[in-house]
Amino acid sequence: MKRVALAAALIAGLSAAGGARADCTCRYEGGDVLEGQTACIRTSSGARLARCEKFLNNTSWTFLDQPCPTAQLVGPWSTVQR
């Protein structure tokens, strides 16, 4: 009987640990960004793309070498050559 209770406690603990990971977030501009997602963060050296990651059991921003994604309006009034 003790083995059944121990196994149930172990499974419950693993389930709780797996569920906790989905709740890990980084904060930016008053909102939450889920772990693994990216955001374009304004810094003193301009906008930089960063990913929300875990570092020493805490969420933290890791700046990437990629530029922030941007959109460009193309139309007859723009200066972009097609």
N, C-alpha and C. Protein backbone atom coordinates (compact mmCIF):
# COMPACT_ATOMS: atom_id res chain seq x y z
N MET A 1 0.82 -1.19 0.00
CA MET A 1 0.00 0.00 0.00
C MET A 1 0.87 1.26 0.00
N LYS A 2 2.00 1.20 0.71
CA LYS A 2 2.89 2.36 0.74
C LYS A 2 3.46 2.64 -0.65
N ARG A 3 3.71 1.57 -1.41
CA ARG A 3 4.25 1.76 -2.76
C ARG A 3 3.25 2.48 -3.66
N VAL A 4 1.97 2.15 -3.52
CA VAL A 4 0.94 2.79 -4.34
C VAL A 4 0.84 4.27 -3.98
N ALA A 5 0.88 4.58 -2.68
CA ALA A 5 0.81 5.98 -2.25
C ALA A 5 2.05 6.75 -2.72
N LEU A 6 3.21 6.12 -2.65
CA LEU A 6 4.45 6.76 -3.08
C LEU A 6 4.42 7.01 -4.59
N ALA A 7 3.94 6.02 -5.36
CA ALA A 7 3.85 6.19 -6.81
C ALA A 7 2.86 7.30 -7.17
N ALA A 8 1.74 7.36 -6.46
CA ALA A 8 0.75 8.41 -6.73
C ALA A 8 1.32 9.78 -6.41
N ALA A 9 2.06 9.89 -5.32
CA ALA A 9 2.68 11.17 -4.94
C ALA A 9 3.73 11.58 -5.96
N LEU A 10 4.50 10.60 -6.46
CA LEU A 10 5.52 10.89 -7.45
C LEU A 10 4.89 11.38 -8.76
N ILE A 11 3.84 10.71 -9.20
CA ILE A 11 3.15 11.12 -10.44
C ILE A 11 2.53 12.50 -10.27
N ALA A 12 1.93 12.78 -9.12
CA ALA A 12 1.33 14.09 -8.87
C ALA A 12 2.41 15.17 -8.87
N GLY A 13 3.56 14.87 -8.28
CA GLY A 13 4.67 15.83 -8.26
C GLY A 13 5.20 16.11 -9.64
N LEU A 14 5.35 15.07 -10.46
CA LEU A 14 5.83 15.27 -11.83
C LEU A 14 4.82 16.05 -12.65
N SER A 15 3.54 15.80 -12.46
CA SER A 15 2.52 16.55 -13.18
C SER A 15 2.54 18.02 -12.80
N ALA A 16 2.71 18.30 -11.51
CA ALA A 16 2.76 19.70 -11.06
C ALA A 16 3.99 20.39 -11.60
N ALA A 17 5.12 19.69 -11.64
CA ALA A 17 6.35 20.29 -12.16
C ALA A 17 6.22 20.58 -13.65
N GLY A 18 5.60 19.67 -14.39
CA GLY A 18 5.41 19.88 -15.83
C GLY A 18 4.46 21.02 -16.10
N GLY A 19 3.43 21.17 -15.28
CA GLY A 19 2.47 22.25 -15.46
C GLY A 19 3.04 23.60 -15.08
N ALA A 20 3.97 23.63 -14.13
CA ALA A 20 4.54 24.90 -13.68
C ALA A 20 5.36 25.55 -14.79
N ARG A 21 5.96 24.74 -15.65
CA ARG A 21 6.78 25.31 -16.71
C ARG A 21 5.96 26.17 -17.66
N ALA A 22 4.73 25.78 -17.91
CA ALA A 22 3.88 26.55 -18.82
C ALA A 22 3.53 27.91 -18.24
N ASP A 23 3.64 28.07 -16.94
CA ASP A 23 3.29 29.33 -16.29
C ASP A 23 4.48 30.28 -16.17
N CYS A 24 5.66 29.87 -16.60
CA CYS A 24 6.84 30.72 -16.48
C CYS A 24 6.77 31.84 -17.52
N THR A 25 6.91 33.07 -17.05
CA THR A 25 6.82 34.22 -17.94
C THR A 25 7.90 35.24 -17.62
N CYS A 26 8.18 36.09 -18.59
CA CYS A 26 9.02 37.28 -18.39
C CYS A 26 8.09 38.48 -18.47
N ARG A 27 8.43 39.55 -17.81
CA ARG A 27 7.61 40.75 -17.82
C ARG A 27 8.22 41.77 -18.78
N TYR A 28 7.33 42.45 -19.54
CA TYR A 28 7.76 43.55 -20.40
C TYR A 28 6.57 44.46 -20.65
N GLU A 29 6.76 45.72 -20.42
CA GLU A 29 5.74 46.76 -20.61
C GLU A 29 4.40 46.39 -19.96
N GLY A 30 4.46 45.90 -18.75
CA GLY A 30 3.26 45.60 -17.98
C GLY A 30 2.55 44.32 -18.38
N GLY A 31 3.12 43.53 -19.27
CA GLY A 31 2.50 42.28 -19.70
C GLY A 31 3.41 41.10 -19.47
N ASP A 32 2.86 39.92 -19.69
CA ASP A 32 3.61 38.67 -19.53
C ASP A 32 3.95 38.10 -20.90
N VAL A 33 5.18 37.61 -21.04
CA VAL A 33 5.63 36.93 -22.24
C VAL A 33 6.01 35.52 -21.81
N LEU A 34 5.42 34.50 -22.44
CA LEU A 34 5.68 33.12 -22.07
C LEU A 34 7.12 32.72 -22.37
N GLU A 35 7.63 31.80 -21.57
CA GLU A 35 8.97 31.28 -21.78
C GLU A 35 9.08 30.70 -23.18
N GLY A 36 10.15 31.07 -23.90
CA GLY A 36 10.37 30.61 -25.26
C GLY A 36 9.91 31.60 -26.32
N GLN A 37 9.06 32.56 -25.94
CA GLN A 37 8.60 33.55 -26.91
C GLN A 37 9.57 34.73 -26.95
N THR A 38 9.48 35.51 -28.03
CA THR A 38 10.37 36.66 -28.19
C THR A 38 9.59 37.96 -28.12
N ALA A 39 10.33 39.04 -27.87
CA ALA A 39 9.76 40.38 -27.84
C ALA A 39 10.82 41.35 -28.34
N CYS A 40 10.38 42.42 -28.95
CA CYS A 40 11.28 43.48 -29.38
C CYS A 40 11.35 44.48 -28.23
N ILE A 41 12.50 44.54 -27.56
CA ILE A 41 12.65 45.34 -26.34
C ILE A 41 13.43 46.61 -26.66
N ARG A 42 12.89 47.74 -26.22
CA ARG A 42 13.59 49.02 -26.39
C ARG A 42 14.71 49.12 -25.36
N THR A 43 15.93 49.40 -25.84
CA THR A 43 17.08 49.59 -24.97
C THR A 43 17.71 50.94 -25.29
N SER A 44 18.72 51.30 -24.54
CA SER A 44 19.40 52.57 -24.79
C SER A 44 20.12 52.58 -26.13
N SER A 45 20.43 51.38 -26.66
CA SER A 45 21.09 51.30 -27.97
C SER A 45 20.12 50.95 -29.09
N GLY A 46 18.82 51.14 -28.85
CA GLY A 46 17.80 50.87 -29.86
C GLY A 46 17.01 49.60 -29.55
N ALA A 47 16.07 49.28 -30.42
CA ALA A 47 15.24 48.10 -30.22
C ALA A 47 16.04 46.84 -30.50
N ARG A 48 15.89 45.83 -29.62
CA ARG A 48 16.61 44.57 -29.77
C ARG A 48 15.65 43.41 -29.54
N LEU A 49 15.82 42.34 -30.31
CA LEU A 49 15.00 41.15 -30.17
C LEU A 49 15.54 40.30 -29.02
N ALA A 50 14.65 39.87 -28.12
CA ALA A 50 15.06 39.06 -26.97
C ALA A 50 14.08 37.91 -26.77
N ARG A 51 14.59 36.80 -26.24
CA ARG A 51 13.77 35.62 -25.95
C ARG A 51 13.68 35.43 -24.44
N CYS A 52 12.49 35.09 -23.96
CA CYS A 52 12.26 34.79 -22.55
C CYS A 52 12.79 33.37 -22.28
N GLU A 53 13.77 33.25 -21.38
CA GLU A 53 14.39 31.95 -21.07
C GLU A 53 14.59 31.81 -19.58
N LYS A 54 14.86 30.58 -19.16
CA LYS A 54 15.19 30.30 -17.76
C LYS A 54 16.69 30.41 -17.56
N PHE A 55 17.09 31.05 -16.46
CA PHE A 55 18.50 31.13 -16.07
C PHE A 55 18.55 31.00 -14.55
N LEU A 56 19.22 29.96 -14.07
CA LEU A 56 19.31 29.69 -12.64
C LEU A 56 17.94 29.69 -11.96
N ASN A 57 16.98 28.97 -12.59
CA ASN A 57 15.63 28.79 -12.07
C ASN A 57 14.80 30.08 -12.02
N ASN A 58 15.21 31.08 -12.77
CA ASN A 58 14.44 32.32 -12.89
C ASN A 58 14.32 32.67 -14.36
N THR A 59 13.23 33.32 -14.74
CA THR A 59 13.11 33.74 -16.13
C THR A 59 13.94 35.00 -16.34
N SER A 60 14.49 35.11 -17.54
CA SER A 60 15.36 36.21 -17.87
C SER A 60 15.31 36.44 -19.38
N TRP A 61 15.61 37.66 -19.81
CA TRP A 61 15.66 37.98 -21.23
C TRP A 61 17.05 37.67 -21.76
N THR A 62 17.11 36.96 -22.90
CA THR A 62 18.37 36.70 -23.60
C THR A 62 18.29 37.43 -24.93
N PHE A 63 19.18 38.40 -25.13
CA PHE A 63 19.16 39.17 -26.37
C PHE A 63 19.74 38.33 -27.51
N LEU A 64 19.07 38.39 -28.66
CA LEU A 64 19.46 37.60 -29.83
C LEU A 64 20.22 38.46 -30.82
N ASP A 65 20.90 37.80 -31.75
CA ASP A 65 21.66 38.52 -32.79
C ASP A 65 20.78 38.92 -33.97
N GLN A 66 19.52 38.53 -33.94
CA GLN A 66 18.60 38.86 -35.03
C GLN A 66 17.98 40.23 -34.79
N PRO A 67 17.69 40.96 -35.87
CA PRO A 67 17.03 42.26 -35.70
C PRO A 67 15.55 42.07 -35.38
N CYS A 68 14.93 43.09 -34.84
CA CYS A 68 13.49 43.06 -34.59
C CYS A 68 12.77 42.99 -35.92
N PRO A 69 11.72 42.17 -36.01
CA PRO A 69 10.96 42.13 -37.26
C PRO A 69 10.23 43.44 -37.49
N THR A 70 10.19 43.88 -38.73
CA THR A 70 9.50 45.12 -39.07
C THR A 70 8.62 44.88 -40.29
N ALA A 71 7.65 45.71 -40.45
CA ALA A 71 6.77 45.66 -41.62
C ALA A 71 7.05 46.90 -42.46
N GLN A 72 6.87 46.76 -43.76
CA GLN A 72 7.10 47.89 -44.64
C GLN A 72 5.89 48.03 -45.55
N LEU A 73 5.39 49.22 -45.64
CA LEU A 73 4.24 49.51 -46.48
C LEU A 73 4.72 49.75 -47.91
N VAL A 74 4.20 48.96 -48.83
CA VAL A 74 4.58 49.10 -50.23
C VAL A 74 3.34 49.53 -51.01
N GLY A 75 3.49 50.58 -51.77
CA GLY A 75 2.39 51.09 -52.59
C GLY A 75 2.92 52.12 -53.55
N PRO A 76 2.06 52.71 -54.34
CA PRO A 76 2.51 53.69 -55.32
C PRO A 76 3.09 54.95 -54.66
N TRP A 77 2.79 55.21 -53.41
CA TRP A 77 3.27 56.39 -52.70
C TRP A 77 4.60 56.15 -51.99
N SER A 78 5.06 54.88 -51.93
CA SER A 78 6.30 54.59 -51.20
C SER A 78 7.51 54.77 -52.11
N THR A 79 8.68 54.83 -51.49
CA THR A 79 9.93 54.99 -52.23
C THR A 79 10.59 53.65 -52.51
N VAL A 80 9.95 52.55 -52.15
CA VAL A 80 10.52 51.22 -52.35
C VAL A 80 10.35 50.82 -53.81
N GLN A 81 11.42 50.35 -54.44
CA GLN A 81 11.36 49.86 -55.81
C GLN A 81 10.87 48.43 -55.82
N ARG A 82 9.93 48.14 -56.69
CA ARG A 82 9.42 46.77 -56.81
C ARG A 82 10.08 46.04 -57.93
